[in-house]
């Protein structure tokens, strides 16, 4: 085994016995990433949801369940990305410093504040228009 893709190939195509892998192979296993990639196929979601209840340290058990329940296939599952636009991290950091709050709270404030209110706050602390445009991108 070289990487996560080899493990996915084992689950989807080869389906080798779990005892045939060395300890070094099992060190490359990452339960979180396996679950994540297996969930990219909507048909597998019920299985993935069930298998995620198993502790991630039980690598052989997780592999065995996937090996048995996932039909042999050779298709590529497109990785699903979030369509939600994330706010500028520099803006979050700046707002966090200005309001003296956590970055999580600063994100919440970004959702609450109107754009003109945000601009007013940033202007009040001395941020010029050039930097303001960069932050609000």
N, C-alpha and C. Protein backbone atom coordinates (compact mmCIF):
# COMPACT_ATOMS: atom_id res chain seq x y z
N UNK A 1 0.83 -1.18 0.00
CA UNK A 1 0.00 0.00 0.00
C UNK A 1 0.88 1.24 0.00
N UNK A 2 0.46 2.19 -0.81
CA UNK A 2 1.21 3.44 -0.89
C UNK A 2 0.44 4.62 -0.31
N UNK A 3 -0.90 4.61 -0.47
CA UNK A 3 -1.68 5.76 -0.02
C UNK A 3 -3.16 5.41 0.11
N UNK A 4 -3.96 6.42 0.36
CA UNK A 4 -5.40 6.25 0.56
C UNK A 4 -6.08 5.68 -0.68
N UNK A 5 -5.57 6.04 -1.86
CA UNK A 5 -6.18 5.58 -3.11
C UNK A 5 -6.05 4.07 -3.26
N UNK A 6 -4.95 3.52 -2.76
CA UNK A 6 -4.78 2.07 -2.80
C UNK A 6 -5.81 1.38 -1.91
N UNK A 7 -6.08 1.98 -0.76
CA UNK A 7 -7.10 1.41 0.11
C UNK A 7 -8.48 1.47 -0.53
N UNK A 8 -8.79 2.56 -1.19
CA UNK A 8 -10.08 2.66 -1.87
C UNK A 8 -10.19 1.65 -3.00
N UNK A 9 -9.10 1.42 -3.69
CA UNK A 9 -9.08 0.40 -4.75
C UNK A 9 -9.32 -0.99 -4.16
N UNK A 10 -8.74 -1.24 -2.98
CA UNK A 10 -8.95 -2.52 -2.31
C UNK A 10 -10.43 -2.71 -1.95
N UNK A 11 -11.05 -1.66 -1.44
CA UNK A 11 -12.46 -1.76 -1.05
C UNK A 11 -13.35 -1.94 -2.26
N UNK A 12 -13.11 -1.17 -3.31
CA UNK A 12 -13.99 -1.17 -4.47
C UNK A 12 -13.72 -2.28 -5.49
N UNK A 13 -12.47 -2.67 -5.67
CA UNK A 13 -12.16 -3.60 -6.76
C UNK A 13 -11.55 -4.91 -6.31
N UNK A 14 -10.45 -4.82 -5.60
CA UNK A 14 -9.65 -6.02 -5.33
C UNK A 14 -10.25 -6.87 -4.23
N UNK A 15 -10.64 -6.26 -3.14
CA UNK A 15 -11.32 -6.92 -2.02
C UNK A 15 -10.49 -8.04 -1.39
N UNK A 16 -9.23 -7.74 -1.11
CA UNK A 16 -8.32 -8.71 -0.49
C UNK A 16 -8.70 -8.95 0.97
N UNK A 17 -8.26 -10.09 1.50
CA UNK A 17 -8.50 -10.45 2.89
C UNK A 17 -7.78 -9.45 3.80
N UNK A 18 -8.43 -8.99 4.87
CA UNK A 18 -7.79 -8.00 5.75
C UNK A 18 -6.50 -8.50 6.40
N UNK A 19 -6.37 -9.80 6.58
CA UNK A 19 -5.17 -10.36 7.20
C UNK A 19 -3.98 -10.39 6.25
N UNK A 20 -4.22 -10.10 4.98
CA UNK A 20 -3.14 -10.14 4.00
C UNK A 20 -2.30 -8.85 4.01
N UNK A 21 -2.73 -7.86 4.77
CA UNK A 21 -2.01 -6.59 4.82
C UNK A 21 -1.06 -6.55 6.01
N UNK A 22 0.07 -5.90 5.81
CA UNK A 22 1.06 -5.77 6.88
C UNK A 22 0.68 -4.65 7.84
N UNK A 23 1.38 -4.60 8.96
CA UNK A 23 1.15 -3.51 9.92
C UNK A 23 1.47 -2.17 9.30
N UNK A 24 2.48 -2.14 8.45
CA UNK A 24 2.86 -0.91 7.77
C UNK A 24 1.73 -0.43 6.85
N UNK A 25 1.05 -1.39 6.18
CA UNK A 25 -0.11 -1.03 5.35
C UNK A 25 -1.22 -0.42 6.20
N UNK A 26 -1.46 -1.01 7.37
CA UNK A 26 -2.54 -0.53 8.23
C UNK A 26 -2.22 0.85 8.81
N UNK A 27 -0.94 1.20 8.90
CA UNK A 27 -0.57 2.53 9.37
C UNK A 27 -1.03 3.60 8.39
N UNK A 28 -1.15 3.24 7.10
CA UNK A 28 -1.58 4.20 6.08
C UNK A 28 -3.10 4.36 6.04
N UNK A 29 -3.80 3.48 6.70
CA UNK A 29 -5.27 3.54 6.75
C UNK A 29 -5.70 4.75 7.56
N UNK A 30 -6.67 5.50 7.02
CA UNK A 30 -7.23 6.66 7.73
C UNK A 30 -8.74 6.52 7.66
N UNK A 31 -9.34 6.11 8.76
CA UNK A 31 -10.79 5.83 8.78
C UNK A 31 -11.61 7.03 8.35
N UNK A 32 -11.24 8.20 8.83
CA UNK A 32 -11.99 9.41 8.48
C UNK A 32 -12.00 9.62 6.96
N UNK A 33 -10.83 9.53 6.34
CA UNK A 33 -10.76 9.77 4.89
C UNK A 33 -11.46 8.67 4.10
N UNK A 34 -11.37 7.44 4.56
CA UNK A 34 -12.08 6.34 3.90
C UNK A 34 -13.58 6.61 3.93
N UNK A 35 -14.10 6.96 5.11
CA UNK A 35 -15.53 7.27 5.22
C UNK A 35 -15.90 8.42 4.29
N UNK A 36 -15.05 9.42 4.30
CA UNK A 36 -15.33 10.62 3.50
C UNK A 36 -15.43 10.29 2.01
N UNK A 37 -14.47 9.53 1.50
CA UNK A 37 -14.49 9.19 0.09
C UNK A 37 -15.60 8.19 -0.25
N UNK A 38 -15.89 7.28 0.65
CA UNK A 38 -16.97 6.32 0.38
C UNK A 38 -18.31 7.04 0.35
N UNK A 39 -18.45 8.11 1.11
CA UNK A 39 -19.72 8.83 1.16
C UNK A 39 -19.97 9.68 -0.09
N UNK A 40 -19.00 9.78 -0.97
CA UNK A 40 -19.18 10.56 -2.20
C UNK A 40 -20.17 9.90 -3.16
N UNK A 41 -20.40 8.61 -2.96
CA UNK A 41 -21.42 7.91 -3.74
C UNK A 41 -22.68 7.85 -2.88
N UNK A 42 -23.71 8.51 -3.33
CA UNK A 42 -24.94 8.60 -2.53
C UNK A 42 -25.57 7.24 -2.25
N UNK A 43 -25.31 6.27 -3.11
CA UNK A 43 -25.86 4.93 -2.89
C UNK A 43 -25.24 4.26 -1.67
N UNK A 44 -24.05 4.70 -1.28
CA UNK A 44 -23.35 4.08 -0.17
C UNK A 44 -23.60 4.78 1.17
N UNK A 45 -24.35 5.87 1.16
CA UNK A 45 -24.54 6.65 2.38
C UNK A 45 -25.11 5.85 3.56
N UNK A 46 -26.11 5.00 3.35
CA UNK A 46 -26.61 4.23 4.51
C UNK A 46 -25.53 3.34 5.12
N UNK A 47 -24.70 2.73 4.28
CA UNK A 47 -23.62 1.87 4.79
C UNK A 47 -22.59 2.72 5.52
N UNK A 48 -22.20 3.83 4.91
CA UNK A 48 -21.19 4.71 5.52
C UNK A 48 -21.68 5.23 6.86
N UNK A 49 -22.92 5.64 6.94
CA UNK A 49 -23.47 6.14 8.20
C UNK A 49 -23.42 5.08 9.30
N UNK A 50 -23.68 3.85 8.93
CA UNK A 50 -23.63 2.75 9.89
C UNK A 50 -22.20 2.46 10.31
N UNK A 51 -21.29 2.41 9.35
CA UNK A 51 -19.90 2.05 9.64
C UNK A 51 -19.21 3.15 10.44
N UNK A 52 -19.63 4.39 10.29
CA UNK A 52 -19.01 5.48 11.05
C UNK A 52 -19.23 5.37 12.55
N UNK A 53 -20.16 4.54 12.97
CA UNK A 53 -20.38 4.35 14.40
C UNK A 53 -19.31 3.46 15.03
N UNK A 54 -18.54 2.78 14.20
CA UNK A 54 -17.46 1.91 14.70
C UNK A 54 -16.26 2.80 15.03
N UNK A 55 -15.61 2.57 16.15
CA UNK A 55 -14.42 3.38 16.48
C UNK A 55 -13.37 3.31 15.37
N UNK A 56 -12.75 4.43 15.05
CA UNK A 56 -11.80 4.48 13.93
C UNK A 56 -10.58 3.58 14.12
N UNK A 57 -10.30 3.18 15.35
CA UNK A 57 -9.15 2.30 15.60
C UNK A 57 -9.41 0.87 15.11
N UNK A 58 -10.66 0.49 14.92
CA UNK A 58 -11.01 -0.85 14.45
C UNK A 58 -10.90 -0.90 12.93
N UNK A 59 -9.70 -0.73 12.43
CA UNK A 59 -9.46 -0.59 10.99
C UNK A 59 -9.88 -1.84 10.22
N UNK A 60 -9.51 -3.00 10.73
CA UNK A 60 -9.83 -4.24 10.01
C UNK A 60 -11.34 -4.46 9.94
N UNK A 61 -12.03 -4.13 11.00
CA UNK A 61 -13.48 -4.29 11.02
C UNK A 61 -14.14 -3.35 10.00
N UNK A 62 -13.68 -2.11 9.96
CA UNK A 62 -14.24 -1.14 9.01
C UNK A 62 -13.96 -1.59 7.59
N UNK A 63 -12.73 -2.01 7.33
CA UNK A 63 -12.37 -2.48 5.99
C UNK A 63 -13.23 -3.68 5.59
N UNK A 64 -13.39 -4.63 6.51
CA UNK A 64 -14.15 -5.84 6.21
C UNK A 64 -15.60 -5.53 5.87
N UNK A 65 -16.21 -4.63 6.62
CA UNK A 65 -17.61 -4.28 6.35
C UNK A 65 -17.74 -3.63 4.98
N UNK A 66 -16.86 -2.66 4.70
CA UNK A 66 -16.90 -2.02 3.39
C UNK A 66 -16.65 -3.05 2.28
N UNK A 67 -15.68 -3.91 2.49
CA UNK A 67 -15.33 -4.92 1.49
C UNK A 67 -16.53 -5.82 1.17
N UNK A 68 -17.27 -6.17 2.21
CA UNK A 68 -18.40 -7.09 2.04
C UNK A 68 -19.65 -6.40 1.46
N UNK A 69 -19.90 -5.17 1.87
CA UNK A 69 -21.16 -4.52 1.49
C UNK A 69 -21.09 -3.61 0.28
N UNK A 70 -19.90 -3.15 -0.08
CA UNK A 70 -19.78 -2.31 -1.27
C UNK A 70 -19.61 -3.21 -2.48
N UNK A 71 -20.50 -3.10 -3.47
CA UNK A 71 -20.37 -3.95 -4.65
C UNK A 71 -19.09 -3.63 -5.42
N UNK A 72 -18.56 -4.66 -6.07
CA UNK A 72 -17.34 -4.47 -6.85
C UNK A 72 -17.64 -3.49 -7.98
N UNK A 73 -16.84 -2.43 -8.04
CA UNK A 73 -17.07 -1.41 -9.07
C UNK A 73 -15.75 -0.74 -9.40
N UNK A 74 -15.74 -0.09 -10.52
CA UNK A 74 -14.52 0.60 -10.96
C UNK A 74 -14.88 2.02 -11.40
N UNK A 75 -15.77 2.64 -10.66
CA UNK A 75 -16.16 3.99 -11.06
C UNK A 75 -15.50 5.02 -10.16
N UNK A 76 -15.35 6.20 -10.70
CA UNK A 76 -14.75 7.31 -9.98
C UNK A 76 -15.86 8.15 -9.42
N UNK A 77 -15.83 8.39 -8.12
CA UNK A 77 -16.82 9.24 -7.48
C UNK A 77 -16.28 10.64 -7.36
N UNK A 78 -16.98 11.57 -7.97
CA UNK A 78 -16.55 12.96 -7.92
C UNK A 78 -16.60 13.44 -6.48
N UNK A 79 -15.55 14.14 -6.09
CA UNK A 79 -15.46 14.69 -4.74
C UNK A 79 -16.41 15.88 -4.64
N UNK A 80 -17.30 15.86 -3.67
CA UNK A 80 -18.29 16.91 -3.50
C UNK A 80 -17.70 18.03 -2.66
N UNK A 81 -17.67 19.22 -3.22
CA UNK A 81 -17.15 20.38 -2.50
C UNK A 81 -18.30 21.26 -2.04
N UNK A 82 -18.06 21.99 -1.01
CA UNK A 82 -19.07 22.90 -0.49
C UNK A 82 -19.29 24.05 -1.47
N UNK A 83 -20.52 24.43 -1.65
CA UNK A 83 -20.83 25.55 -2.53
C UNK A 83 -20.96 26.86 -1.76
N UNK A 84 -20.80 26.79 -0.45
CA UNK A 84 -20.90 27.97 0.40
C UNK A 84 -19.57 28.72 0.35
N UNK A 85 -19.63 29.99 -0.01
CA UNK A 85 -18.42 30.80 -0.08
C UNK A 85 -17.97 31.16 1.32
N UNK A 86 -16.71 30.89 1.62
CA UNK A 86 -16.15 31.19 2.93
C UNK A 86 -15.68 32.64 2.97
N UNK A 87 -15.88 33.31 4.09
CA UNK A 87 -15.42 34.70 4.19
C UNK A 87 -13.90 34.77 4.20
N UNK A 88 -13.38 35.91 3.80
CA UNK A 88 -11.95 36.15 3.76
C UNK A 88 -11.36 35.98 5.16
N UNK A 89 -10.32 35.13 5.28
CA UNK A 89 -9.72 34.86 6.59
C UNK A 89 -9.05 36.11 7.17
N UNK A 90 -8.49 36.97 6.30
CA UNK A 90 -7.90 38.21 6.79
C UNK A 90 -8.97 39.12 7.41
N UNK A 91 -10.14 39.14 6.79
CA UNK A 91 -11.24 39.94 7.31
C UNK A 91 -11.69 39.40 8.67
N UNK A 92 -11.77 38.09 8.78
CA UNK A 92 -12.18 37.47 10.05
C UNK A 92 -11.16 37.81 11.14
N UNK A 93 -9.87 37.68 10.80
CA UNK A 93 -8.82 38.00 11.78
C UNK A 93 -8.90 39.47 12.21
N UNK A 94 -9.06 40.35 11.24
CA UNK A 94 -9.12 41.79 11.52
C UNK A 94 -10.34 42.10 12.41
N UNK A 95 -11.50 41.55 12.05
CA UNK A 95 -12.72 41.79 12.82
C UNK A 95 -12.59 41.21 14.23
N UNK A 96 -11.96 40.06 14.33
CA UNK A 96 -11.72 39.44 15.63
C UNK A 96 -10.86 40.33 16.51
N UNK A 97 -9.83 40.94 15.92
CA UNK A 97 -8.97 41.86 16.68
C UNK A 97 -9.73 43.12 17.09
N UNK A 98 -10.49 43.67 16.17
CA UNK A 98 -11.22 44.92 16.44
C UNK A 98 -12.25 44.71 17.54
N UNK A 99 -13.03 43.64 17.42
CA UNK A 99 -14.12 43.40 18.37
C UNK A 99 -13.67 42.64 19.62
N UNK A 100 -12.38 42.24 19.62
CA UNK A 100 -11.82 41.48 20.73
C UNK A 100 -12.67 40.25 21.05
N UNK A 101 -12.84 39.42 20.03
CA UNK A 101 -13.63 38.20 20.17
C UNK A 101 -12.92 37.07 19.43
N UNK A 102 -13.47 35.88 19.52
CA UNK A 102 -12.88 34.73 18.83
C UNK A 102 -13.17 34.82 17.33
N UNK A 103 -12.45 34.03 16.56
CA UNK A 103 -12.66 34.00 15.12
C UNK A 103 -14.04 33.44 14.78
N UNK A 104 -14.49 32.50 15.58
CA UNK A 104 -15.83 31.94 15.38
C UNK A 104 -16.90 33.01 15.58
N UNK A 105 -16.74 33.82 16.61
CA UNK A 105 -17.70 34.91 16.86
C UNK A 105 -17.61 35.96 15.75
N UNK A 106 -16.39 36.21 15.27
CA UNK A 106 -16.21 37.18 14.19
C UNK A 106 -16.97 36.72 12.93
N UNK A 107 -16.93 35.41 12.65
CA UNK A 107 -17.69 34.87 11.50
C UNK A 107 -19.18 35.13 11.69
N UNK A 108 -19.65 34.93 12.91
CA UNK A 108 -21.07 35.17 13.21
C UNK A 108 -21.42 36.63 12.99
N UNK A 109 -20.55 37.52 13.45
CA UNK A 109 -20.79 38.95 13.25
C UNK A 109 -20.83 39.29 11.76
N UNK A 110 -19.98 38.64 10.97
CA UNK A 110 -19.98 38.90 9.52
C UNK A 110 -21.33 38.56 8.90
N UNK A 111 -21.96 37.51 9.41
CA UNK A 111 -23.27 37.12 8.90
C UNK A 111 -24.37 38.08 9.35
N UNK A 112 -24.18 38.70 10.50
CA UNK A 112 -25.20 39.58 11.06
C UNK A 112 -25.09 41.00 10.51
N UNK A 113 -23.86 41.50 10.41
CA UNK A 113 -23.66 42.90 10.01
C UNK A 113 -24.01 43.15 8.55
N UNK A 114 -24.62 44.28 8.30
CA UNK A 114 -24.85 44.75 6.93
C UNK A 114 -23.51 45.22 6.39
N UNK A 115 -23.34 45.23 5.07
CA UNK A 115 -22.05 45.61 4.49
C UNK A 115 -21.66 47.06 4.83
N UNK A 116 -22.64 47.98 4.87
CA UNK A 116 -22.30 49.36 5.20
C UNK A 116 -21.87 49.51 6.66
N UNK A 117 -22.46 48.69 7.55
CA UNK A 117 -22.05 48.70 8.95
C UNK A 117 -20.62 48.17 9.10
N UNK A 118 -20.32 47.12 8.37
CA UNK A 118 -18.98 46.53 8.39
C UNK A 118 -17.95 47.53 7.89
N UNK A 119 -18.27 48.19 6.80
CA UNK A 119 -17.36 49.21 6.24
C UNK A 119 -17.14 50.34 7.25
N UNK A 120 -18.21 50.76 7.92
CA UNK A 120 -18.11 51.82 8.92
C UNK A 120 -17.17 51.40 10.06
N UNK A 121 -17.33 50.17 10.54
CA UNK A 121 -16.47 49.66 11.62
C UNK A 121 -15.01 49.64 11.18
N UNK A 122 -14.76 49.15 9.98
CA UNK A 122 -13.39 49.06 9.49
C UNK A 122 -12.77 50.44 9.25
N UNK A 123 -13.57 51.36 8.75
CA UNK A 123 -13.09 52.73 8.53
C UNK A 123 -12.76 53.43 9.86
N UNK A 124 -13.57 53.16 10.88
CA UNK A 124 -13.38 53.79 12.19
C UNK A 124 -12.04 53.44 12.83
N UNK A 125 -11.53 52.23 12.52
CA UNK A 125 -10.26 51.82 13.13
C UNK A 125 -9.07 52.18 12.24
N UNK A 126 -9.34 52.93 11.15
CA UNK A 126 -8.25 53.45 10.34
C UNK A 126 -7.84 52.62 9.14
N UNK A 127 -8.71 51.74 8.67
CA UNK A 127 -8.39 50.94 7.49
C UNK A 127 -8.74 51.77 6.26
N UNK A 128 -7.75 51.96 5.38
CA UNK A 128 -7.97 52.78 4.18
C UNK A 128 -8.75 52.00 3.12
N UNK A 129 -9.22 52.72 2.09
CA UNK A 129 -10.07 52.12 1.06
C UNK A 129 -9.38 51.01 0.29
N UNK A 130 -8.07 51.15 0.05
CA UNK A 130 -7.31 50.12 -0.70
C UNK A 130 -7.33 48.80 0.07
N UNK A 131 -7.03 48.85 1.36
CA UNK A 131 -7.03 47.64 2.17
C UNK A 131 -8.46 47.12 2.36
N UNK A 132 -9.42 48.04 2.46
CA UNK A 132 -10.82 47.68 2.61
C UNK A 132 -11.31 46.85 1.44
N UNK A 133 -10.94 47.24 0.23
CA UNK A 133 -11.34 46.49 -0.97
C UNK A 133 -10.76 45.08 -0.95
N UNK A 134 -9.51 44.98 -0.48
CA UNK A 134 -8.86 43.67 -0.42
C UNK A 134 -9.55 42.77 0.60
N UNK A 135 -9.94 43.34 1.74
CA UNK A 135 -10.60 42.58 2.79
C UNK A 135 -12.01 42.12 2.39
N UNK A 136 -12.70 42.95 1.63
CA UNK A 136 -14.10 42.65 1.29
C UNK A 136 -14.24 41.82 0.01
N UNK A 137 -13.15 41.40 -0.57
CA UNK A 137 -13.19 40.57 -1.79
C UNK A 137 -13.93 39.29 -1.56
